[in-house]
């Protein structure tokens, strides 16, 4: 049986736009089936050590646990019949183990015990990839912030010139968000990475008093935590993981959105990395589209909709859900695939970002000093009061615009200003490059915190 590449993640030409080979491997069909077999093997081993099944049975089960030996056509048909893959997987596993010991496969377990625990093993691997890429991206931003600590540019509010900042300050703000995500991930993992083994309704009925002991042993065998109680129908930790991915995507989209705006022709303050053909148009030879930013932004839109759907799918009825559990199979892998592609794209973007300091300075000077109006007001305030200074500078701004002169020139024409400030003081006060506040010191604070966090 063959399948067409019906989704971008299975498409040879689209898969790497929206995901990474490493993350696709984590949720690959064979890897998913092997994770279930691995849980069955771990269960057999701990049950053999506890004397519940023969040691020879555990050995036979371990030897037969090869997903490559499964008949996928039979598994597909069995999954359609049962509504989940584990039923036929266990049937085939019993046959592969052999008649002598096959009946000891899946001893005392329920389908969701195996599938949930296998999923947690996959999520653990997936989060390791996320953490690795997150750290690399944070380091790239730290280097940007350090290098561009004093590169002055326009700070914009509501897409309009506001006050001068530095690009290092902007990069440090991006970095601060990623640092919080690292903290969230560290807090999330102990809650999330927990085994599931409690039987049909979570009461250990099949194994009785041995059940909790086997659950603890299985957790230790798989290097997972043991939950306080069964979580078959309480999915908040999985929802927390999905929400974490959604939050992370918002930070990546913030970075991509800012850079895309900076790359506009009329702004010209940054260019995406890349050589000939990067962001090319099929009809306009001059175009260099922000394609890396586009990938991050489009993936973020899709991922956050998955998060919303997953929150709804987290409401499970009674002791086993009617539908929401199966929805997880659709939503969770795709979210991890999307975040992997976004992280890699953002790392490429930030590691090779080409800044244009001359354009930044030109944009800063575009309003001929008006962006420094607050600095002038605060310089005049000790001499005439803040409110009066606000009115004086406001009048000077309007005069500068109407006469197409600089703010400094307009101020030099106002006796109220020249009576308290010298020409040199006016020039200094109206210089945007001198009004970045504590931007540099704030960058230093973030970089110091990142240094401590990255070495802890």
Protein backbone atom coordinates (compact mmCIF):
# COMPACT_ATOMS: atom_id res chain seq x y z
CA UNK A 1 0.00 0.00 0.00
CA UNK A 2 1.35 3.44 -0.89
CA UNK A 3 0.31 6.90 0.19
CA UNK A 4 0.59 10.23 -1.59
CA UNK A 5 2.19 13.20 0.14
CA UNK A 6 -1.15 14.61 1.25
CA UNK A 7 0.25 17.06 3.81
CA UNK A 8 3.18 19.50 3.65
CA UNK A 9 5.01 17.42 6.26
CA UNK A 10 5.00 14.42 3.90
CA UNK A 11 5.88 16.48 0.84
CA UNK A 12 9.46 16.34 -0.37
CA UNK A 13 9.42 19.98 -1.53
CA UNK A 14 7.43 21.49 1.38
CA UNK A 15 8.44 19.48 4.45
CA UNK A 16 11.59 21.45 5.21
CA UNK A 17 9.75 24.76 4.91
CA UNK A 18 7.55 23.95 7.88
CA UNK A 19 9.44 21.35 9.95
CA UNK A 20 12.80 19.66 10.38
CA UNK A 21 13.99 16.13 9.60
CA UNK A 22 14.90 15.56 13.25
CA UNK A 23 11.42 16.42 14.52
CA UNK A 24 9.73 14.48 11.74
CA UNK A 25 11.78 11.47 12.82
CA UNK A 26 10.44 11.76 16.38
CA UNK A 27 6.85 11.41 15.15
CA UNK A 28 7.56 9.12 12.22
CA UNK A 29 5.16 6.16 11.94
CA UNK A 30 7.82 3.56 12.70
CA UNK A 31 9.19 5.58 15.61
CA UNK A 32 5.67 5.95 17.02
CA UNK A 33 5.04 2.20 16.81
CA UNK A 34 8.46 1.44 18.24
CA UNK A 35 7.74 3.71 21.21
CA UNK A 36 4.65 1.62 22.01
CA UNK A 37 6.67 -1.59 21.73
CA UNK A 38 9.36 -0.09 23.96
CA UNK A 39 6.77 0.59 26.66
CA UNK A 40 5.51 -2.99 26.37
CA UNK A 41 9.08 -4.24 26.76
CA UNK A 42 9.72 -2.03 29.79
CA UNK A 43 6.48 -3.24 31.35
CA UNK A 44 7.44 -6.89 30.82
CA UNK A 45 10.86 -6.32 32.35
CA UNK A 46 9.58 -4.74 35.53
CA UNK A 47 6.84 -7.36 35.86
CA UNK A 48 9.41 -10.12 35.47
CA UNK A 49 11.58 -8.56 38.18
CA UNK A 50 8.50 -8.40 40.38
CA UNK A 51 7.75 -12.07 39.75
CA UNK A 52 4.46 -11.42 37.94
CA UNK A 53 5.59 -12.97 34.64
CA UNK A 54 8.46 -15.35 33.81
CA UNK A 55 11.85 -13.79 33.14
CA UNK A 56 11.99 -15.82 29.93
CA UNK A 57 8.79 -14.10 28.80
CA UNK A 58 10.35 -10.66 29.27
CA UNK A 59 13.38 -11.75 27.24
CA UNK A 60 11.20 -13.10 24.44
CA UNK A 61 9.11 -9.92 24.41
CA UNK A 62 12.22 -7.75 24.20
CA UNK A 63 13.64 -9.79 21.30
CA UNK A 64 10.39 -9.49 19.32
CA UNK A 65 10.00 -5.73 19.82
CA UNK A 66 10.90 -4.52 16.33
CA UNK A 67 8.45 -2.16 14.65
CA UNK A 68 9.98 -3.12 11.32
CA UNK A 69 8.50 -6.61 11.73
CA UNK A 70 4.92 -5.33 11.97
CA UNK A 71 2.56 -5.79 9.04
CA UNK A 72 1.40 -2.21 8.45
CA UNK A 73 -1.43 -3.22 6.15
CA UNK A 74 -2.83 -5.49 8.85
CA UNK A 75 -2.27 -2.74 11.41
CA UNK A 76 -4.16 -0.24 9.26
CA UNK A 77 -7.12 -2.59 8.90
CA UNK A 78 -7.06 -3.40 12.60
CA UNK A 79 -6.92 0.28 13.51
CA UNK A 80 -10.01 0.95 11.42
CA UNK A 81 -11.86 -1.83 13.20
CA UNK A 82 -10.83 -0.92 16.74
CA UNK A 83 -10.51 2.83 16.34
CA UNK A 84 -6.97 2.78 17.71
CA UNK A 85 -3.73 1.02 16.71
CA UNK A 86 -2.75 -0.67 19.95
CA UNK A 87 -5.24 -3.53 19.71
CA UNK A 88 -3.82 -4.97 16.50
CA UNK A 89 -0.28 -3.98 17.47
CA UNK A 90 -0.62 -6.18 20.57
CA UNK A 91 -2.13 -8.98 18.49
CA UNK A 92 0.84 -8.90 16.14
CA UNK A 93 3.29 -8.53 19.01
CA UNK A 94 1.89 -11.65 20.65
CA UNK A 95 2.46 -13.61 17.44
CA UNK A 96 5.96 -12.20 17.02
CA UNK A 97 6.83 -13.11 20.61
CA UNK A 98 5.70 -16.68 19.99
CA UNK A 99 3.21 -19.11 21.53
CA UNK A 100 5.31 -19.88 24.58
CA UNK A 101 5.40 -16.36 25.97
CA UNK A 102 3.18 -14.18 23.77
CA UNK A 103 0.32 -14.26 26.23
CA UNK A 104 2.43 -12.28 28.72
CA UNK A 105 2.47 -9.26 26.38
CA UNK A 106 0.43 -6.28 27.66
CA UNK A 107 -0.03 -7.91 31.10
CA UNK A 108 -2.43 -5.82 33.20
CA UNK A 109 -2.23 -2.80 30.87
CA UNK A 110 -4.92 -0.90 29.02
CA UNK A 111 -4.54 0.58 25.57
CA UNK A 112 -4.19 4.13 26.78
CA UNK A 113 -1.53 3.16 29.30
CA UNK A 114 0.72 2.11 26.47
CA UNK A 115 -0.15 4.85 24.01
CA UNK A 116 0.03 7.67 26.54
CA UNK A 117 3.37 6.53 27.90
CA UNK A 118 4.75 6.06 24.38
CA UNK A 119 3.60 9.58 23.53
CA UNK A 120 5.39 10.95 26.58
CA UNK A 121 8.60 9.26 25.42
CA UNK A 122 8.21 10.95 22.04
CA UNK A 123 7.42 14.31 23.65
CA UNK A 124 10.55 13.99 25.79
CA UNK A 125 12.64 13.58 22.64
CA UNK A 126 10.75 16.39 20.91
CA UNK A 127 11.26 18.80 23.80
CA UNK A 128 14.98 18.00 23.81
CA UNK A 129 15.11 19.21 20.20
CA UNK A 130 13.08 22.31 21.07
CA UNK A 131 15.34 23.09 24.02
CA UNK A 132 18.47 22.71 21.93
CA UNK A 133 17.20 25.04 19.20
CA UNK A 134 15.83 27.49 21.75
CA UNK A 135 19.23 27.76 23.42
CA UNK A 136 20.98 28.28 20.08
CA UNK A 137 18.52 30.99 19.10
CA UNK A 138 18.86 32.72 22.46
CA UNK A 139 22.64 32.70 22.08
CA UNK A 140 22.36 34.21 18.60
CA UNK A 141 20.16 36.99 19.99
CA UNK A 142 22.60 37.58 22.84
CA UNK A 143 25.39 38.06 20.32
CA UNK A 144 23.23 40.45 18.29
CA UNK A 145 22.34 42.46 21.38
CA UNK A 146 25.97 42.67 22.48
CA UNK A 147 27.28 43.63 19.05
CA UNK A 148 24.57 46.21 18.35
CA UNK A 149 24.31 47.58 21.90
CA UNK A 150 24.93 51.14 20.73
CA UNK A 151 23.50 51.04 17.18
CA UNK A 152 20.92 53.83 17.32
CA UNK A 153 17.66 53.46 15.41
CA UNK A 154 14.09 54.67 15.48
CA UNK A 155 11.83 53.24 18.15
CA UNK A 156 8.31 52.94 16.81
CA UNK A 157 4.94 52.90 18.52
CA UNK A 158 1.76 52.32 16.49
CA UNK A 159 4.05 52.12 13.41
CA UNK A 160 5.10 55.76 13.92
CA UNK A 161 8.41 57.27 15.04
CA UNK A 162 8.40 57.46 18.84
CA UNK A 163 11.81 57.81 20.51
CA UNK A 164 15.31 56.59 19.62
CA UNK A 165 16.39 53.15 20.81
CA UNK A 166 19.27 50.88 19.85
CA UNK A 167 19.00 47.68 17.87
CA UNK A 168 20.77 45.94 20.73
CA UNK A 169 17.91 47.01 22.98
CA UNK A 170 15.37 45.53 20.55
CA UNK A 171 17.32 42.25 20.37
CA UNK A 172 17.60 42.13 24.17
CA UNK A 173 13.82 42.41 24.46
CA UNK A 174 13.46 39.48 22.05
CA UNK A 175 16.01 37.55 24.11
CA UNK A 176 14.19 38.22 27.38
CA UNK A 177 11.11 36.44 26.02
CA UNK A 178 13.12 33.37 25.04
CA UNK A 179 14.66 33.28 28.51
CA UNK A 180 11.19 33.08 30.03
CA UNK A 181 10.35 30.22 27.67
CA UNK A 182 13.44 28.33 28.88
CA UNK A 183 12.19 28.81 32.42
CA UNK A 184 8.68 27.64 31.48
CA UNK A 185 10.10 24.54 29.81
CA UNK A 186 12.10 23.65 32.91
CA UNK A 187 9.00 24.04 35.08
CA UNK A 188 6.82 22.09 32.65
CA UNK A 189 8.87 18.94 32.22
CA UNK A 190 8.45 17.47 35.73
CA UNK A 191 4.67 17.82 35.43
CA UNK A 192 4.52 16.48 31.89
CA UNK A 193 7.06 13.66 31.69
CA UNK A 194 5.11 11.11 33.73
CA UNK A 195 4.32 7.48 33.07
CA UNK A 196 0.77 6.23 32.54
CA UNK A 197 -0.03 2.81 34.00
CA UNK A 198 -3.20 2.20 35.99
CA UNK A 199 -5.44 -0.11 33.97
CA UNK A 200 -8.83 0.27 32.36
CA UNK A 201 -10.27 3.06 34.54
CA UNK A 202 -7.15 4.00 36.46
CA UNK A 203 -7.71 1.89 39.60
CA UNK A 204 -5.06 -0.83 39.05
CA UNK A 205 -7.90 -3.35 39.17
CA UNK A 206 -6.15 -5.92 36.95
CA UNK A 207 -3.04 -6.13 39.12
CA UNK A 208 -4.53 -5.17 42.47
CA UNK A 209 -1.98 -4.29 45.12
CA UNK A 210 0.85 -4.95 42.66
CA UNK A 211 -0.38 -2.19 40.38
CA UNK A 212 1.10 0.86 42.13
CA UNK A 213 4.41 -0.99 42.62
CA UNK A 214 4.57 -1.84 38.90
CA UNK A 215 3.67 1.75 38.00
CA UNK A 216 6.58 3.04 40.09
CA UNK A 217 8.96 0.48 38.63
CA UNK A 218 7.84 1.25 35.07
CA UNK A 219 8.43 4.95 35.67
CA UNK A 220 11.95 4.22 36.87
CA UNK A 221 12.63 1.85 33.96
CA UNK A 222 11.67 4.57 31.46
CA UNK A 223 13.27 7.44 33.41
CA UNK A 224 9.90 9.11 33.85
CA UNK A 225 8.10 10.34 36.96
CA UNK A 226 5.22 8.48 38.56
CA UNK A 227 2.00 10.53 38.60
CA UNK A 228 0.01 11.16 41.72
CA UNK A 229 -2.90 9.30 40.14
CA UNK A 230 -3.95 8.13 36.67
CA UNK A 231 -4.30 10.93 34.11
CA UNK A 232 -6.17 9.09 31.34
CA UNK A 233 -8.99 11.63 31.33
CA UNK A 234 -7.18 14.69 32.74
CA UNK A 235 -4.98 16.17 30.02
CA UNK A 236 -3.85 19.48 31.48
CA UNK A 237 -0.15 18.66 31.28
CA UNK A 238 -0.38 17.87 27.57
CA UNK A 239 -2.39 21.05 27.10
CA UNK A 240 0.30 22.93 29.01
CA UNK A 241 2.93 21.56 26.62
CA UNK A 242 0.86 22.64 23.62
CA UNK A 243 0.31 26.07 25.14
CA UNK A 244 4.04 26.37 25.72
CA UNK A 245 4.61 25.71 22.01
CA UNK A 246 2.00 28.34 21.19
CA UNK A 247 3.62 30.90 23.47
CA UNK A 248 7.02 30.17 21.99
CA UNK A 249 5.58 30.69 18.52
CA UNK A 250 4.35 34.16 19.52
CA UNK A 251 7.89 35.19 20.43
CA UNK A 252 9.27 33.83 17.16
CA UNK A 253 6.52 35.60 15.24
CA UNK A 254 7.31 38.86 17.08
CA UNK A 255 10.93 38.62 15.92
CA UNK A 256 9.95 37.75 12.35
CA UNK A 257 7.30 40.46 12.22
CA UNK A 258 9.69 43.17 13.40
CA UNK A 259 12.39 42.13 10.94
CA UNK A 260 9.92 41.94 8.04
CA UNK A 261 8.83 45.51 8.79
CA UNK A 262 12.45 46.65 9.04
CA UNK A 263 13.11 45.04 5.63
CA UNK A 264 10.44 47.06 3.83
CA UNK A 265 11.85 48.99 0.89
CA UNK A 266 10.88 52.33 2.43
CA UNK A 267 12.56 51.40 5.72
CA UNK A 268 15.55 49.33 4.59
CA UNK A 269 17.05 48.76 8.02
CA UNK A 270 17.61 45.01 7.71
CA UNK A 271 17.94 42.24 5.16
CA UNK A 272 17.40 38.53 5.58
CA UNK A 273 20.51 36.39 5.12
CA UNK A 274 20.97 34.64 1.81
CA UNK A 275 22.54 34.85 -1.62
CA UNK A 276 21.26 34.83 -5.20
CA UNK A 277 17.69 33.65 -5.50
CA UNK A 278 16.87 34.29 -1.84
CA UNK A 279 13.28 35.51 -1.75
CA UNK A 280 13.15 35.76 -5.52
CA UNK A 281 10.02 36.66 -7.47
CA UNK A 282 9.04 34.71 -10.59
CA UNK A 283 8.30 37.92 -12.48
CA UNK A 284 10.02 40.85 -10.72
CA UNK A 285 13.82 40.46 -10.86
CA UNK A 286 14.42 43.21 -8.31
CA UNK A 287 12.40 41.60 -5.51
CA UNK A 288 13.94 40.13 -2.36
CA UNK A 289 11.00 38.95 -0.33
CA UNK A 290 11.32 38.23 3.42
CA UNK A 291 10.67 34.51 2.94
CA UNK A 292 12.22 33.34 6.22
CA UNK A 293 10.01 35.74 8.13
CA UNK A 294 7.04 34.47 6.12
CA UNK A 295 7.74 30.88 7.14
CA UNK A 296 7.84 31.80 10.81
CA UNK A 297 4.71 33.94 10.64
CA UNK A 298 2.65 31.41 8.68
CA UNK A 299 3.70 28.52 10.92
CA UNK A 300 2.82 30.55 14.00
CA UNK A 301 -0.66 31.24 12.71
CA UNK A 302 -1.26 27.53 12.10
CA UNK A 303 0.29 26.40 15.37
CA UNK A 304 -1.73 28.73 17.58
CA UNK A 305 -4.94 27.44 16.02
CA UNK A 306 -3.83 23.92 16.91
CA UNK A 307 -3.35 25.07 20.50
CA UNK A 308 -6.89 26.39 20.63
CA UNK A 309 -8.25 23.10 19.30
CA UNK A 310 -6.12 21.14 21.76
CA UNK A 311 -7.54 23.05 24.71
CA UNK A 312 -11.00 21.94 23.62
CA UNK A 313 -9.68 18.39 23.15
CA UNK A 314 -8.40 18.42 26.73
CA UNK A 315 -11.93 18.07 28.12
CA UNK A 316 -12.35 14.30 28.49
CA UNK A 317 -15.57 12.69 29.64
CA UNK A 318 -15.66 10.39 32.67
CA UNK A 319 -12.74 7.90 32.85
CA UNK A 320 -12.02 7.68 29.10
CA UNK A 321 -12.85 10.23 26.44
CA UNK A 322 -15.24 9.84 23.53
CA UNK A 323 -13.32 11.56 20.74
CA UNK A 324 -11.01 14.16 22.32
CA UNK A 325 -8.22 11.61 22.84
CA UNK A 326 -8.11 10.79 19.13
CA UNK A 327 -8.01 14.52 18.32
CA UNK A 328 -4.71 14.70 20.20
CA UNK A 329 -3.17 12.36 17.63
CA UNK A 330 -3.91 14.91 14.92
CA UNK A 331 -2.93 18.06 16.79
CA UNK A 332 0.11 17.40 18.94
CA UNK A 333 2.62 16.01 16.40
CA UNK A 334 1.80 18.77 13.94
CA UNK A 335 2.41 21.43 16.58
CA UNK A 336 5.85 20.03 17.32
CA UNK A 337 6.66 19.86 13.61
CA UNK A 338 5.65 23.49 13.12
CA UNK A 339 7.64 24.79 16.09
CA UNK A 340 10.72 22.90 14.93
CA UNK A 341 10.58 24.57 11.53
CA UNK A 342 9.98 27.98 13.08
CA UNK A 343 12.90 27.66 15.49
CA UNK A 344 15.30 26.63 12.75
CA UNK A 345 14.10 29.44 10.49
CA UNK A 346 14.43 32.00 13.27
CA UNK A 347 17.94 30.79 14.08
CA UNK A 348 18.91 31.19 10.42
CA UNK A 349 17.32 34.64 10.38
CA UNK A 350 18.98 35.98 13.51
CA UNK A 351 22.38 34.36 12.96
CA UNK A 352 22.79 35.90 9.52
CA UNK A 353 20.72 39.07 9.78
CA UNK A 354 22.21 41.91 7.74
CA UNK A 355 21.63 45.22 9.45
CA UNK A 356 21.87 48.54 7.60
CA UNK A 357 23.11 51.15 10.13
CA UNK A 358 23.22 53.92 7.50
CA UNK A 359 19.52 53.40 6.78
CA UNK A 360 18.81 53.37 10.52
CA UNK A 361 20.53 56.73 10.88
CA UNK A 362 18.79 58.13 7.82
CA UNK A 363 15.41 57.11 9.21
CA UNK A 364 16.36 58.61 12.56
CA UNK A 365 17.10 61.91 10.81
CA UNK A 366 14.06 61.73 8.54
CA UNK A 367 12.02 64.03 10.80
CA UNK A 368 14.96 66.44 11.23
CA UNK A 369 15.14 66.07 14.98
CA UNK A 370 11.44 65.87 15.80
CA UNK A 371 11.99 62.43 17.29
CA UNK A 372 14.09 64.15 19.98
CA UNK A 373 11.24 66.49 21.00
CA UNK A 374 10.82 64.79 24.39
CA UNK A 375 14.53 65.26 25.11
CA UNK A 376 14.24 68.96 24.35
CA UNK A 377 11.15 69.23 26.56
CA UNK A 378 12.92 67.56 29.49
CA UNK A 379 15.93 69.86 28.97
CA UNK A 380 13.70 72.94 29.09
CA UNK A 381 11.49 71.72 31.93
CA UNK A 382 13.83 72.73 34.81
CA UNK A 383 13.87 76.28 33.44
CA UNK A 384 10.15 76.83 32.72
CA UNK A 385 8.18 73.85 34.04
CA UNK A 386 7.25 70.69 32.19
CA UNK A 387 3.83 71.75 30.89
CA UNK A 388 5.09 75.08 29.60
CA UNK A 389 8.08 73.32 28.02
CA UNK A 390 5.69 70.86 26.36
CA UNK A 391 3.81 73.73 24.73
CA UNK A 392 7.00 75.52 23.68
CA UNK A 393 8.45 72.39 22.05
CA UNK A 394 5.08 71.58 20.44
CA UNK A 395 5.06 75.02 18.82
CA UNK A 396 8.64 74.51 17.65
CA UNK A 397 7.72 71.14 16.10
CA UNK A 398 4.86 72.68 14.16
CA UNK A 399 7.11 75.52 13.03
CA UNK A 400 9.77 73.05 11.88
CA UNK A 401 7.23 71.08 9.84
CA UNK A 402 5.65 74.12 8.22
CA UNK A 403 9.00 75.72 7.39
CA UNK A 404 10.68 72.42 6.48
CA UNK A 405 13.50 73.19 8.86
CA UNK A 406 15.06 71.14 11.61
CA UNK A 407 13.78 71.13 15.16
CA UNK A 408 17.03 72.75 16.30
CA UNK A 409 16.56 75.58 13.82
CA UNK A 410 12.96 76.13 14.93
CA UNK A 411 14.02 76.17 18.57
CA UNK A 412 16.78 78.70 17.80
CA UNK A 413 14.11 81.08 16.51
CA UNK A 414 12.15 81.04 19.80
CA UNK A 415 13.29 83.61 22.42
CA UNK A 416 11.72 81.51 25.17
CA UNK A 417 14.23 78.81 24.29
CA UNK A 418 17.29 80.90 23.50
CA UNK A 419 16.89 82.78 26.76
CA UNK A 420 17.67 79.62 28.73
CA UNK A 421 19.69 77.42 26.31
CA UNK A 422 22.81 78.22 24.30
CA UNK A 423 23.04 77.24 20.62
CA UNK A 424 25.29 74.32 21.60
CA UNK A 425 22.79 73.15 24.21
CA UNK A 426 19.97 73.33 21.67
CA UNK A 427 21.95 71.18 19.21
CA UNK A 428 22.69 68.59 21.89
CA UNK A 429 19.10 68.52 23.10
CA UNK A 430 17.76 68.07 19.54
CA UNK A 431 20.20 65.27 18.63
CA UNK A 432 18.28 61.95 18.46
CA UNK A 433 21.47 59.94 18.88
CA UNK A 434 21.87 61.29 22.39
CA UNK A 435 18.44 60.19 23.58
CA UNK A 436 18.48 56.45 24.01
CA UNK A 437 17.95 56.61 27.75
CA UNK A 438 19.22 53.56 29.60
CA UNK A 439 19.04 51.31 26.53
CA UNK A 440 22.66 50.22 26.83
CA UNK A 441 22.40 49.47 30.52
CA UNK A 442 19.19 47.50 29.95
CA UNK A 443 20.98 45.43 27.32
CA UNK A 444 23.74 44.73 29.80
CA UNK A 445 21.19 43.58 32.41
CA UNK A 446 19.63 41.10 30.00
CA UNK A 447 23.00 39.80 28.83
CA UNK A 448 24.15 39.27 32.40
CA UNK A 449 20.96 37.36 33.19
CA UNK A 450 21.40 35.27 30.03
CA UNK A 451 24.99 34.49 30.98
CA UNK A 452 23.85 33.20 34.38
CA UNK A 453 20.91 31.29 32.92
CA UNK A 454 22.91 29.65 30.14
CA UNK A 455 25.59 28.42 32.54
CA UNK A 456 23.23 27.18 35.24
